[in-house]
C-alpha atoms as a PDB file:
ATOM      1  CA  MET A   1     -40.918  35.648  44.541  1.00  0.00           C
ATOM      2  CA  ASN A   2     -43.398  38.327  45.497  1.00  0.00           C
ATOM      3  CA  ILE A   3     -43.573  41.318  43.209  1.00  0.00           C
ATOM      4  CA  LYS A   4     -45.627  44.516  43.552  1.00  0.00           C
ATOM      5  CA  ILE A   5     -45.957  46.940  40.679  1.00  0.00           C
ATOM      6  CA  TYR A   6     -46.921  50.504  41.652  1.00  0.00           C
ATOM      7  CA  GLY A   7     -48.545  52.592  38.958  1.00  0.00           C
ATOM      8  CA  THR A   8     -51.737  54.042  37.612  1.00  0.00           C
ATOM      9  CA  GLY A   9     -52.480  51.705  34.746  1.00  0.00           C
ATOM     10  CA  THR A  10     -50.583  53.660  32.071  1.00  0.00           C
ATOM     11  CA  SER A  11     -49.035  52.014  29.028  1.00  0.00           C
ATOM     12  CA  GLY A  12     -45.710  52.088  30.830  1.00  0.00           C
ATOM     13  CA  HIS A  13     -47.211  50.264  33.813  1.00  0.00           C
ATOM     14  CA  GLN A  14     -48.637  47.608  31.534  1.00  0.00           C
ATOM     15  CA  MET A  15     -45.316  47.200  29.763  1.00  0.00           C
ATOM     16  CA  VAL A  16     -43.588  46.581  33.115  1.00  0.00           C
ATOM     17  CA  TYR A  17     -46.185  44.030  34.118  1.00  0.00           C
ATOM     18  CA  VAL A  18     -46.128  42.109  30.794  1.00  0.00           C
ATOM     19  CA  THR A  19     -42.280  42.127  30.540  1.00  0.00           C
ATOM     20  CA  LEU A  20     -41.809  40.801  34.025  1.00  0.00           C
ATOM     21  CA  GLN A  21     -44.479  38.150  33.575  1.00  0.00           C
ATOM     22  CA  ARG A  22     -42.984  36.952  30.291  1.00  0.00           C
ATOM     23  CA  TYR A  23     -39.377  36.656  31.612  1.00  0.00           C
ATOM     24  CA  LEU A  24     -40.376  35.012  34.896  1.00  0.00           C
ATOM     25  CA  GLU A  25     -42.564  32.474  33.208  1.00  0.00           C
ATOM     26  CA  LYS A  26     -39.816  31.771  30.634  1.00  0.00           C
ATOM     27  CA  ALA A  27     -37.306  31.300  33.479  1.00  0.00           C
ATOM     28  CA  GLU A  28     -39.736  29.052  35.324  1.00  0.00           C
ATOM     29  CA  ILE A  29     -39.385  31.051  38.490  1.00  0.00           C
ATOM     30  CA  GLN A  30     -42.320  30.912  40.899  1.00  0.00           C
ATOM     31  CA  PHE A  31     -43.716  34.383  41.425  1.00  0.00           C
ATOM     32  CA  GLN A  32     -46.795  36.376  42.380  1.00  0.00           C
ATOM     33  CA  ILE A  33     -47.481  39.830  40.936  1.00  0.00           C
ATOM     34  CA  GLU A  34     -49.755  42.379  42.597  1.00  0.00           C
ATOM     35  CA  GLU A  35     -50.660  45.740  41.008  1.00  0.00           C
ATOM     36  CA  ILE A  36     -51.119  48.680  43.303  1.00  0.00           C
ATOM     37  CA  ASN A  37     -52.636  52.018  42.176  1.00  0.00           C
ATOM     38  CA  ASN A  38     -53.308  53.592  45.585  1.00  0.00           C
ATOM     39  CA  VAL A  39     -51.460  56.932  45.783  1.00  0.00           C
ATOM     40  CA  ASP A  40     -51.375  56.764  49.528  1.00  0.00           C
ATOM     41  CA  GLU A  41     -49.179  53.600  49.135  1.00  0.00           C
ATOM     42  CA  PHE A  42     -46.811  55.468  46.836  1.00  0.00           C
ATOM     43  CA  LEU A  43     -46.452  58.226  49.464  1.00  0.00           C
ATOM     44  CA  ARG A  44     -46.046  55.784  52.341  1.00  0.00           C
ATOM     45  CA  LEU A  45     -43.110  54.011  50.611  1.00  0.00           C
ATOM     46  CA  LYS A  46     -41.720  57.369  49.445  1.00  0.00           C
ATOM     47  CA  ILE A  47     -41.789  56.254  45.764  1.00  0.00           C
ATOM     48  CA  GLU A  48     -40.481  59.164  43.782  1.00  0.00           C
ATOM     49  CA  SER A  49     -41.740  58.137  40.464  1.00  0.00           C
ATOM     50  CA  ILE A  50     -44.026  55.408  38.883  1.00  0.00           C
ATOM     51  CA  PRO A  51     -44.131  52.791  37.625  1.00  0.00           C
ATOM     52  CA  ALA A  52     -41.998  51.158  40.345  1.00  0.00           C
ATOM     53  CA  ILE A  53     -41.331  47.511  41.294  1.00  0.00           C
ATOM     54  CA  LEU A  54     -41.084  46.196  44.846  1.00  0.00           C
ATOM     55  CA  VAL A  55     -39.480  42.777  45.169  1.00  0.00           C
ATOM     56  CA  ASP A  56     -40.065  40.592  48.210  1.00  0.00           C
ATOM     57  CA  ASN A  57     -40.965  43.725  50.257  1.00  0.00           C
ATOM     58  CA  SER A  58     -37.330  44.755  50.385  1.00  0.00           C
ATOM     59  CA  VAL A  59     -35.886  46.221  47.110  1.00  0.00           C
ATOM     60  CA  ILE A  60     -37.603  48.949  45.093  1.00  0.00           C
ATOM     61  CA  TYR A  61     -36.795  49.633  41.416  1.00  0.00           C
ATOM     62  CA  THR A  62     -38.137  52.820  39.867  1.00  0.00           C
ATOM     63  CA  ILE A  63     -38.653  52.912  36.169  1.00  0.00           C
ATOM     64  CA  ARG A  64     -37.717  56.106  34.280  1.00  0.00           C
ATOM     65  CA  GLN A  65     -39.934  57.815  31.801  1.00  0.00           C
ATOM     66  CA  ASN A  66     -39.306  58.692  28.189  1.00  0.00           C
ATOM     67  CA  GLU A  67     -35.830  57.784  26.861  1.00  0.00           C
ATOM     68  CA  GLY A  68     -34.678  56.045  30.054  1.00  0.00           C
ATOM     69  CA  PHE A  69     -37.715  53.768  30.298  1.00  0.00           C
ATOM     70  CA  ASN A  70     -36.360  50.693  28.474  1.00  0.00           C
ATOM     71  CA  PHE A  71     -32.907  50.997  30.100  1.00  0.00           C
ATOM     72  CA  SER A  72     -34.216  51.199  33.674  1.00  0.00           C
ATOM     73  CA  LEU A  73     -36.731  48.380  33.113  1.00  0.00           C
ATOM     74  CA  ARG A  74     -34.046  46.147  31.630  1.00  0.00           C
ATOM     75  CA  LYS A  75     -31.799  46.972  34.585  1.00  0.00           C
ATOM     76  CA  ALA A  76     -34.497  46.016  37.091  1.00  0.00           C
ATOM     77  CA  LEU A  77     -35.336  42.880  35.155  1.00  0.00           C
ATOM     78  CA  PHE A  78     -31.653  41.862  35.170  1.00  0.00           C
ATOM     79  CA  HIS A  79     -31.221  42.242  38.974  1.00  0.00           C
ATOM     80  CA  ILE A  80     -34.520  40.446  39.695  1.00  0.00           C
ATOM     81  CA  LEU A  81     -33.611  37.478  37.473  1.00  0.00           C
ATOM     82  CA  LYS A  82     -29.958  37.389  38.704  1.00  0.00           C
ATOM     83  CA  GLU A  83     -31.181  36.825  42.236  1.00  0.00           C
ATOM     84  CA  LYS A  84     -32.460  33.457  40.974  1.00  0.00           C
ATOM     85  CA  ASP A  85     -29.436  32.768  38.696  1.00  0.00           C
ATOM     86  CA  PHE A  86     -31.809  33.617  35.780  1.00  0.00           C
ATOM     87  CA  GLY A  87     -33.826  30.442  36.380  1.00  0.00           C
ATOM     88  CA  ARG A  88     -34.302  28.362  33.213  1.00  0.00           C
ATOM     89  CA  LEU A  89     -33.524  31.100  30.773  1.00  0.00           C
ATOM     90  CA  THR A  90     -31.170  30.085  27.942  1.00  0.00           C
ATOM     91  CA  LYS A  91     -27.550  30.849  29.094  1.00  0.00           C
ATOM     92  CA  VAL A  92     -24.634  31.186  26.707  1.00  0.00           C
ATOM     93  CA  VAL A  93     -21.068  31.537  28.002  1.00  0.00           C
ATOM     94  CA  ILE A  94     -18.465  33.572  26.058  1.00  0.00           C
ATOM     95  CA  PRO A  95     -14.810  33.541  27.305  1.00  0.00           C
ATOM     96  CA  PHE A  96     -14.024  37.278  26.848  1.00  0.00           C
ATOM     97  CA  ASP A  97     -10.752  39.300  26.724  1.00  0.00           C
ATOM     98  CA  PHE A  98     -11.646  42.339  24.603  1.00  0.00           C
ATOM     99  CA  SER A  99      -9.817  40.960  21.651  1.00  0.00           C
ATOM    100  CA  ASP A 100     -11.264  41.437  18.171  1.00  0.00           C
ATOM    101  CA  ALA A 101     -12.075  37.733  18.014  1.00  0.00           C
ATOM    102  CA  SER A 102     -13.989  37.640  21.353  1.00  0.00           C
ATOM    103  CA  LEU A 103     -15.783  40.841  20.415  1.00  0.00           C
ATOM    104  CA  ASN A 104     -16.912  39.278  17.113  1.00  0.00           C
ATOM    105  CA  THR A 105     -18.120  36.196  18.934  1.00  0.00           C
ATOM    106  CA  PHE A 106     -20.082  38.345  21.340  1.00  0.00           C
ATOM    107  CA  TYR A 107     -21.792  40.436  18.614  1.00  0.00           C
ATOM    108  CA  PHE A 108     -22.634  37.240  16.664  1.00  0.00           C
ATOM    109  CA  CYS A 109     -24.262  35.623  19.716  1.00  0.00           C
ATOM    110  CA  GLN A 110     -26.021  38.893  20.634  1.00  0.00           C
ATOM    111  CA  ARG A 111     -27.818  38.887  17.334  1.00  0.00           C
ATOM    112  CA  LEU A 112     -28.477  35.169  17.376  1.00  0.00           C
ATOM    113  CA  LEU A 113     -30.205  35.432  20.737  1.00  0.00           C
ATOM    114  CA  THR A 114     -32.162  38.573  20.128  1.00  0.00           C
ATOM    115  CA  GLY A 115     -35.889  38.021  20.860  1.00  0.00           C
ATOM    116  CA  ASN A 116     -35.179  34.736  22.702  1.00  0.00           C
ATOM    117  CA  MET A 117     -35.232  36.055  26.290  1.00  0.00           C
ATOM    118  CA  ALA A 118     -31.713  34.711  26.869  1.00  0.00           C
ATOM    119  CA  VAL A 119     -28.578  35.566  28.932  1.00  0.00           C
ATOM    120  CA  LEU A 120     -25.141  36.181  27.545  1.00  0.00           C
ATOM    121  CA  GLN A 121     -22.469  35.566  30.235  1.00  0.00           C
ATOM    122  CA  LEU A 122     -19.141  37.211  29.507  1.00  0.00           C
ATOM    123  CA  ILE A 123     -16.418  35.654  31.518  1.00  0.00           C
ATOM    124  CA  ASN A 124     -13.139  37.743  31.460  1.00  0.00           C
ATOM    125  CA  MET A 125     -10.072  35.658  30.600  1.00  0.00           C
ATOM    126  CA  GLU A 126      -7.285  38.224  30.781  1.00  0.00           C
ATOM    127  CA  LYS A 127      -4.240  37.049  32.761  1.00  0.00           C
ATOM    128  CA  SER A 128      -2.416  39.353  35.146  1.00  0.00           C
ATOM    129  CA  ASN A 129       1.305  39.449  35.699  1.00  0.00           C
ATOM    130  CA  ALA A 130       2.085  38.389  39.266  1.00  0.00           C
ATOM    131  CA  ILE A 131       5.538  39.939  38.993  1.00  0.00           C
ATOM    132  CA  VAL A 132       4.059  43.478  39.335  1.00  0.00           C
ATOM    133  CA  GLY A 133       3.440  42.914  43.109  1.00  0.00           C
ATOM    134  CA  VAL A 134       0.287  42.215  45.142  1.00  0.00           C
ATOM    135  CA  ASN A 135      -0.982  45.718  45.496  1.00  0.00           C
ATOM    136  CA  LYS A 136      -0.500  46.537  41.803  1.00  0.00           C
ATOM    137  CA  LEU A 137      -2.099  43.141  40.863  1.00  0.00           C
ATOM    138  CA  ILE A 138      -5.214  44.033  42.892  1.00  0.00           C
ATOM    139  CA  ASP A 139      -5.435  47.396  41.157  1.00  0.00           C
ATOM    140  CA  ILE A 140      -5.146  45.691  37.781  1.00  0.00           C
ATOM    141  CA  GLN A 141      -7.845  43.175  38.612  1.00  0.00           C
ATOM    142  CA  GLN A 142     -10.242  45.903  39.945  1.00  0.00           C
ATOM    143  CA  GLU A 143      -9.570  47.958  36.753  1.00  0.00           C
ATOM    144  CA  ARG A 144     -10.356  45.003  34.476  1.00  0.00           C
ATOM    145  CA  GLN A 145     -13.480  44.191  36.452  1.00  0.00           C
ATOM    146  CA  THR A 146     -14.717  47.805  36.134  1.00  0.00           C
ATOM    147  CA  LYS A 147     -13.920  47.715  32.330  1.00  0.00           C
ATOM    148  CA  LEU A 148     -15.952  44.532  31.951  1.00  0.00           C
ATOM    149  CA  THR A 149     -18.937  45.905  33.918  1.00  0.00           C
ATOM    150  CA  GLU A 150     -18.914  49.215  32.084  1.00  0.00           C
ATOM    151  CA  PHE A 151     -18.800  47.301  28.733  1.00  0.00           C
ATOM    152  CA  GLY A 152     -21.932  45.345  29.770  1.00  0.00           C
ATOM    153  CA  ILE A 153     -23.738  48.606  30.689  1.00  0.00           C
ATOM    154  CA  SER A 154     -22.664  50.303  27.456  1.00  0.00           C
ATOM    155  CA  LEU A 155     -24.258  47.461  25.433  1.00  0.00           C
ATOM    156  CA  SER A 156     -27.566  48.202  27.035  1.00  0.00           C
ATOM    157  CA  ASN A 157     -27.371  51.813  26.052  1.00  0.00           C
ATOM    158  CA  ASP A 158     -26.591  50.968  22.419  1.00  0.00           C
ATOM    159  CA  TRP A 159     -29.842  48.999  21.734  1.00  0.00           C
ATOM    160  CA  SER A 160     -32.262  51.911  22.201  1.00  0.00           C
ATOM    161  CA  ASN A 161     -35.763  50.818  21.033  1.00  0.00           C
ATOM    162  CA  ASP A 162     -34.734  47.152  20.722  1.00  0.00           C
ATOM    163  CA  LEU A 163     -33.381  47.011  24.223  1.00  0.00           C
ATOM    164  CA  LEU A 164     -36.064  44.751  25.660  1.00  0.00           C
ATOM    165  CA  ASN A 165     -35.562  42.195  22.811  1.00  0.00           C
ATOM    166  CA  ALA A 166     -31.798  41.956  23.250  1.00  0.00           C
ATOM    167  CA  PRO A 167     -30.290  39.253  25.449  1.00  0.00           C
ATOM    168  CA  LEU A 168     -29.446  40.157  29.005  1.00  0.00           C
ATOM    169  CA  ILE A 169     -25.763  40.685  29.602  1.00  0.00           C
ATOM    170  CA  ASP A 170     -24.097  39.126  32.749  1.00  0.00           C
ATOM    171  CA  THR A 171     -20.385  39.786  33.341  1.00  0.00           C
ATOM    172  CA  GLU A 172     -17.962  37.848  35.544  1.00  0.00           C
ATOM    173  CA  TYR A 173     -14.259  38.345  36.174  1.00  0.00           C
ATOM    174  CA  LYS A 174     -12.068  35.406  37.014  1.00  0.00           C
ATOM    175  CA  GLU A 175      -8.354  35.780  37.148  1.00  0.00           C
ATOM    176  CA  CYS A 176      -6.194  33.460  35.051  1.00  0.00           C
ATOM    177  CA  LEU A 177      -9.137  31.315  33.888  1.00  0.00           C
ATOM    178  CA  THR A 178      -8.288  29.001  31.055  1.00  0.00           C
ATOM    179  CA  GLN A 179     -10.872  27.977  28.401  1.00  0.00           C
ATOM    180  CA  LYS A 180     -11.045  24.412  29.825  1.00  0.00           C
ATOM    181  CA  GLU A 181     -11.764  25.920  33.272  1.00  0.00           C
ATOM    182  CA  THR A 182     -14.448  28.058  31.662  1.00  0.00           C
ATOM    183  CA  ILE A 183     -16.094  24.967  30.198  1.00  0.00           C
ATOM    184  CA  LEU A 184     -16.013  23.184  33.515  1.00  0.00           C
ATOM    185  CA  ASN A 185     -17.538  26.296  35.261  1.00  0.00           C
ATOM    186  CA  ALA A 186     -20.216  26.410  32.547  1.00  0.00           C
ATOM    187  CA  ILE A 187     -21.184  22.775  33.110  1.00  0.00           C
ATOM    188  CA  SER A 188     -21.675  23.387  36.865  1.00  0.00           C
ATOM    189  CA  GLY A 189     -23.588  26.570  36.161  1.00  0.00           C
ATOM    190  CA  ASN A 190     -26.613  25.351  34.192  1.00  0.00           C
ATOM    191  CA  VAL A 191     -25.380  26.723  30.880  1.00  0.00           C
ATOM    192  CA  ASN A 192     -26.930  25.760  27.505  1.00  0.00           C
ATOM    193  CA  LEU A 193     -24.185  26.723  25.089  1.00  0.00           C
ATOM    194  CA  ILE A 194     -20.440  27.617  25.074  1.00  0.00           C
ATOM    195  CA  THR A 195     -18.969  29.824  22.390  1.00  0.00           C
ATOM    196  CA  LEU A 196     -15.351  29.989  21.343  1.00  0.00           C
ATOM    197  CA  ASP A 197     -13.554  31.808  18.543  1.00  0.00           C
ATOM    198  CA  SER A 198     -11.352  29.006  17.274  1.00  0.00           C
ATOM    199  CA  ILE A 199     -11.606  25.236  16.877  1.00  0.00           C
ATOM    200  CA  GLU A 200      -8.053  24.980  18.028  1.00  0.00           C
ATOM    201  CA  ALA A 201      -8.893  26.804  21.293  1.00  0.00           C
ATOM    202  CA  VAL A 202      -9.511  23.552  23.162  1.00  0.00           C
ATOM    203  CA  ASP A 203      -9.051  19.892  22.392  1.00  0.00           C
ATOM    204  CA  ILE A 204     -12.013  18.575  20.485  1.00  0.00           C
ATOM    205  CA  MET A 205     -11.900  15.176  22.237  1.00  0.00           C
ATOM    206  CA  TYR A 206     -12.029  17.040  25.537  1.00  0.00           C
ATOM    207  CA  LEU A 207     -15.151  18.818  24.387  1.00  0.00           C
ATOM    208  CA  SER A 208     -16.825  15.502  23.594  1.00  0.00           C
ATOM    209  CA  ASP A 209     -16.994  14.807  27.339  1.00  0.00           C
ATOM    210  CA  THR A 210     -18.830  18.060  28.222  1.00  0.00           C
ATOM    211  CA  HIS A 211     -22.259  17.050  26.986  1.00  0.00           C
ATOM    212  CA  LEU A 212     -22.814  20.717  25.997  1.00  0.00           C
ATOM    213  CA  PRO A 213     -23.080  22.209  22.490  1.00  0.00           C
ATOM    214  CA  ILE A 214     -20.005  24.215  21.566  1.00  0.00           C
ATOM    215  CA  LEU A 215     -20.358  27.030  19.008  1.00  0.00           C
ATOM    216  CA  ILE A 216     -17.165  27.980  17.169  1.00  0.00           C
ATOM    217  CA  VAL A 217     -17.414  31.496  15.737  1.00  0.00           C
ATOM    218  CA  PRO A 218     -14.453  32.239  13.447  1.00  0.00           C
ATOM    219  CA  PRO A 219     -12.997  35.789  13.715  1.00  0.00           C
ATOM    220  CA  LYS A 220     -14.402  36.808  10.261  1.00  0.00           C
ATOM    221  CA  ALA A 221     -17.775  35.122  10.644  1.00  0.00           C
ATOM    222  CA  ARG A 222     -20.797  37.490  10.526  1.00  0.00           C
ATOM    223  CA  PHE A 223     -24.398  36.907  11.589  1.00  0.00           C
ATOM    224  CA  LYS A 224     -26.481  37.484   8.458  1.00  0.00           C
ATOM    225  CA  GLY A 225     -29.926  37.310  10.034  1.00  0.00           C
ATOM    226  CA  MET A 226     -30.332  33.645   8.968  1.00  0.00           C
ATOM    227  CA  LYS A 227     -30.987  30.926  11.612  1.00  0.00           C
ATOM    228  CA  LYS A 228     -30.184  27.669   9.903  1.00  0.00           C
ATOM    229  CA  VAL A 229     -28.211  24.639  11.006  1.00  0.00           C
ATOM    230  CA  ALA A 230     -26.871  22.030   8.580  1.00  0.00           C
ATOM    231  CA  PHE A 231     -27.089  18.779  10.605  1.00  0.00           C
ATOM    232  CA  TYR A 232     -25.165  15.758   9.273  1.00  0.00           C
ATOM    233  CA  ILE A 233     -26.270  12.162   9.771  1.00  0.00           C
ATOM    234  CA  ASP A 234     -24.544   8.988   8.540  1.00  0.00           C
ATOM    235  CA  GLY A 235     -27.247   6.497   9.303  1.00  0.00           C
ATOM    236  CA  PRO A 236     -31.012   5.824   8.872  1.00  0.00           C
ATOM    237  CA  LEU A 237     -31.752   8.168  11.823  1.00  0.00           C
ATOM    238  CA  PRO A 238     -29.816  10.692  13.826  1.00  0.00           C
ATOM    239  CA  ASP A 239     -28.305   9.591  17.160  1.00  0.00           C
ATOM    240  CA  LEU A 240     -31.031  10.024  19.800  1.00  0.00           C
ATOM    241  CA  ASN A 241     -28.760  12.211  21.991  1.00  0.00           C
ATOM    242  CA  ASP A 242     -27.970  14.450  19.119  1.00  0.00           C
ATOM    243  CA  LEU A 243     -31.661  14.551  18.165  1.00  0.00           C
ATOM    244  CA  ALA A 244     -32.486  15.745  21.680  1.00  0.00           C
ATOM    245  CA  ILE A 245     -29.919  18.507  21.391  1.00  0.00           C
ATOM    246  CA  LEU A 246     -31.284  19.380  17.978  1.00  0.00           C
ATOM    247  CA  ASN A 247     -34.755  19.688  19.470  1.00  0.00           C
ATOM    248  CA  ASN A 248     -33.455  21.970  22.204  1.00  0.00           C
ATOM    249  CA  LEU A 249     -31.854  24.194  19.599  1.00  0.00           C
ATOM    250  CA  LEU A 250     -35.171  24.479  17.832  1.00  0.00           C
ATOM    251  CA  LEU A 251     -36.741  25.630  21.042  1.00  0.00           C
ATOM    252  CA  GLN A 252     -34.076  27.890  22.392  1.00  0.00           C
ATOM    253  CA  TYR A 253     -32.636  29.548  19.335  1.00  0.00           C
ATOM    254  CA  GLN A 254     -35.570  29.343  16.822  1.00  0.00           C
ATOM    255  CA  VAL A 255     -33.417  27.837  14.127  1.00  0.00           C
ATOM    256  CA  ASN A 256     -34.338  26.070  10.960  1.00  0.00           C
ATOM    257  CA  ILE A 257     -32.715  22.590  10.603  1.00  0.00           C
ATOM    258  CA  HIS A 258     -31.368  21.101   7.415  1.00  0.00           C
ATOM    259  CA  ILE A 259     -30.815  17.329   7.718  1.00  0.00           C
ATOM    260  CA  ILE A 260     -27.931  16.331   5.441  1.00  0.00           C
ATOM    261  CA  THR A 261     -26.916  12.764   4.697  1.00  0.00           C
ATOM    262  CA  THR A 262     -24.238  11.047   2.537  1.00  0.00           C
ATOM    263  CA  LEU A 263     -26.325   7.931   2.105  1.00  0.00           C
ATOM    264  CA  ALA A 264     -27.206   6.841  -1.435  1.00  0.00           C
ATOM    265  CA  ILE A 265     -30.895   7.214  -1.170  1.00  0.00           C
ATOM    266  CA  ASP A 266     -33.684   7.781  -3.761  1.00  0.00           C
ATOM    267  CA  GLU A 267     -36.536  10.248  -3.427  1.00  0.00           C
ATOM    268  CA  ASN A 268     -38.902   7.771  -1.728  1.00  0.00           C
ATOM    269  CA  VAL A 269     -36.370   6.802   0.862  1.00  0.00           C
ATOM    270  CA  GLN A 270     -35.513  10.452   1.373  1.00  0.00           C
ATOM    271  CA  LYS A 271     -39.183  11.242   2.121  1.00  0.00           C
ATOM    272  CA  GLU A 272     -39.373   8.273   4.489  1.00  0.00           C
ATOM    273  CA  LEU A 273     -36.197   9.524   6.331  1.00  0.00           C
ATOM    274  CA  SER A 274     -37.526  12.995   6.558  1.00  0.00           C
ATOM    275  CA  ALA A 275     -40.861  11.694   8.001  1.00  0.00           C
ATOM    276  CA  LYS A 276     -39.154   9.628  10.609  1.00  0.00           C
ATOM    277  CA  VAL A 277     -37.011  12.577  11.829  1.00  0.00           C
ATOM    278  CA  LYS A 278     -40.067  14.834  11.914  1.00  0.00           C
ATOM    279  CA  ASN A 279     -42.053  12.268  13.984  1.00  0.00           C
ATOM    280  CA  LYS A 280     -39.255  12.095  16.469  1.00  0.00           C
ATOM    281  CA  LEU A 281     -39.177  15.874  16.825  1.00  0.00           C
ATOM    282  CA  ILE A 282     -42.952  16.318  17.009  1.00  0.00           C
ATOM    283  CA  PHE A 283     -42.960  13.717  19.850  1.00  0.00           C
ATOM    284  CA  HIS A 284     -40.817  16.202  21.909  1.00  0.00           C
ATOM    285  CA  GLN A 285     -42.325  19.445  20.736  1.00  0.00           C
ATOM    286  CA  GLN A 286     -45.983  19.590  20.064  1.00  0.00           C
ATOM    287  CA  ASP A 287     -45.975  22.967  18.166  1.00  0.00           C
ATOM    288  CA  PHE A 288     -43.173  22.006  15.910  1.00  0.00           C
ATOM    289  CA  ASP A 289     -44.049  22.595  12.207  1.00  0.00           C
ATOM    290  CA  PRO A 290     -41.891  20.158  10.162  1.00  0.00           C
ATOM    291  CA  LYS A 291     -43.003  21.774   6.846  1.00  0.00           C
ATOM    292  CA  ILE A 292     -41.230  24.926   7.846  1.00  0.00           C
ATOM    293  CA  ASN A 293     -38.349  23.564   9.943  1.00  0.00           C
ATOM    294  CA  MET A 294     -37.148  20.482   8.118  1.00  0.00           C
ATOM    295  CA  ASP A 295     -35.328  19.776   4.837  1.00  0.00           C
ATOM    296  CA  VAL A 296     -33.260  16.762   3.715  1.00  0.00           C
ATOM    297  CA  PHE A 297     -30.287  17.093   1.440  1.00  0.00           C
ATOM    298  CA  LYS A 298     -27.943  14.508   0.005  1.00  0.00           C
ATOM    299  CA  LEU A 299     -24.206  15.096  -0.155  1.00  0.00           C
ATOM    300  CA  GLN A 300     -21.351  13.064  -1.604  1.00  0.00           C
ATOM    301  CA  SER A 301     -18.544  11.370   0.326  1.00  0.00           C
ATOM    302  CA  ASP A 302     -16.461  14.225   1.864  1.00  0.00           C
ATOM    303  CA  TYR A 303     -19.078  15.471   4.362  1.00  0.00           C
ATOM    304  CA  ALA A 304     -16.750  17.981   6.057  1.00  0.00           C
ATOM    305  CA  PHE A 305     -15.904  19.746   2.820  1.00  0.00           C
ATOM    306  CA  ASN A 306     -19.523  19.540   1.549  1.00  0.00           C
ATOM    307  CA  LEU A 307     -20.971  20.875   4.768  1.00  0.00           C
ATOM    308  CA  ILE A 308     -18.853  23.978   4.559  1.00  0.00           C
ATOM    309  CA  SER A 309     -19.652  24.390   0.838  1.00  0.00           C
ATOM    310  CA  PHE A 310     -23.374  23.913   1.478  1.00  0.00           C
ATOM    311  CA  SER A 311     -23.238  26.354   4.432  1.00  0.00           C
ATOM    312  CA  ARG A 312     -21.540  29.070   2.428  1.00  0.00           C
ATOM    313  CA  LYS A 313     -23.844  28.744  -0.608  1.00  0.00           C
ATOM    314  CA  ASN A 314     -27.047  28.696   1.490  1.00  0.00           C
ATOM    315  CA  ASP A 315     -26.079  31.280   4.132  1.00  0.00           C
ATOM    316  CA  THR A 316     -26.303  28.596   6.740  1.00  0.00           C
ATOM    317  CA  MET A 317     -25.243  29.902  10.108  1.00  0.00           C
ATOM    318  CA  MET A 318     -23.798  26.783  11.812  1.00  0.00           C
ATOM    319  CA  SER A 319     -22.821  23.217  10.792  1.00  0.00           C
ATOM    320  CA  LYS A 320     -22.908  20.227  12.961  1.00  0.00           C
ATOM    321  CA  ILE A 321     -19.601  18.184  12.693  1.00  0.00           C
ATOM    322  CA  GLU A 322     -18.179  15.105  14.241  1.00  0.00           C
ATOM    323  CA  GLN A 323     -16.174  15.832  17.443  1.00  0.00           C
ATOM    324  CA  LYS A 324     -13.331  13.613  16.290  1.00  0.00           C
ATOM    325  CA  ASP A 325     -12.731  15.670  13.126  1.00  0.00           C
ATOM    326  CA  LYS A 326      -9.954  18.144  13.876  1.00  0.00           C
ATOM    327  CA  SER A 327      -8.898  18.799  10.305  1.00  0.00           C
ATOM    328  CA  ILE A 328     -12.027  20.633   9.094  1.00  0.00           C
ATOM    329  CA  LYS A 329     -11.384  24.121   7.764  1.00  0.00           C
ATOM    330  CA  MET A 330     -13.497  26.929   9.128  1.00  0.00           C
ATOM    331  CA  ASN A 331     -13.743  29.215   6.126  1.00  0.00           C
ATOM    332  CA  ASN A 332     -15.593  31.759   8.250  1.00  0.00           C
ATOM    333  CA  VAL A 333     -18.621  29.464   8.731  1.00  0.00           C
ATOM    334  CA  PRO A 334     -19.669  29.076  12.374  1.00  0.00           C
ATOM    335  CA  LEU A 335     -19.584  25.454  13.541  1.00  0.00           C
ATOM    336  CA  LEU A 336     -21.828  23.758  16.033  1.00  0.00           C
ATOM    337  CA  ILE A 337     -20.226  20.826  17.813  1.00  0.00           C
ATOM    338  CA  LEU A 338     -22.623  18.451  19.633  1.00  0.00           C
END
């Protein structure tokens, strides 16, 4: 991708350059950026205001001044990244139907991902009534697509000064899409996390075959600014696959991990277990600081009940549970299923 930034070296010009560079590097998209401050070039391309961005010598994005600066930069950034399907940016899918539950899930994830250069993909799941006739059905579909698009735009307007730190919002309308189809679509679309508003929304055993983390956000769950995950293990070390997912969570969502075990272990064994887990993580992530990101707690026999209790008492945002356990009660604690 070839990018030219037209400007005169102002603070706005530099903000455009730095923002584009950070996002493109994070997305692992190959790019070249050239800065042009020759006024004759501005006139030749009939650029009405600066700074401006030219992408692959075809599309020009002008960045507004003053109050519209962040919004127009974010809009340009979105379109540039979408051309490459957002590269390797963290992508989170939310099945969305404008219900209170799906809105709550969205706002929870929006705050979770703020500052992480991530993408929230809202997939509309409203079903149309085919009885109304073909022409009326098309009108309904277009109306819902417009509603979804306008909702995404309104979210960008609401963040004001924090706009560039908020996750990018991508919207997609698919008629009569079930949640299982949404998951299958996410798997084929290089998605990192799927969010649902109920553990009953899909069959848990079905989810175990997706190889994707599933975040369940209960309707009354609220994001409290904490980023902690209570991670349960029932052996001397976590499953290696789960450990890899855990490490990705540390990287993508900047969370603190609490390792919880029901094993009857003394303090020395607990320290040894903690050290082994830390070494495994450090092997994958060189800048991981285990003193900040790792704690080991011991719970008694009923891990599902104790995980929820621990999460509520310690403002833990998510709890890792076994996929086979369908009886766990949510109690407004978001659950992470690996």
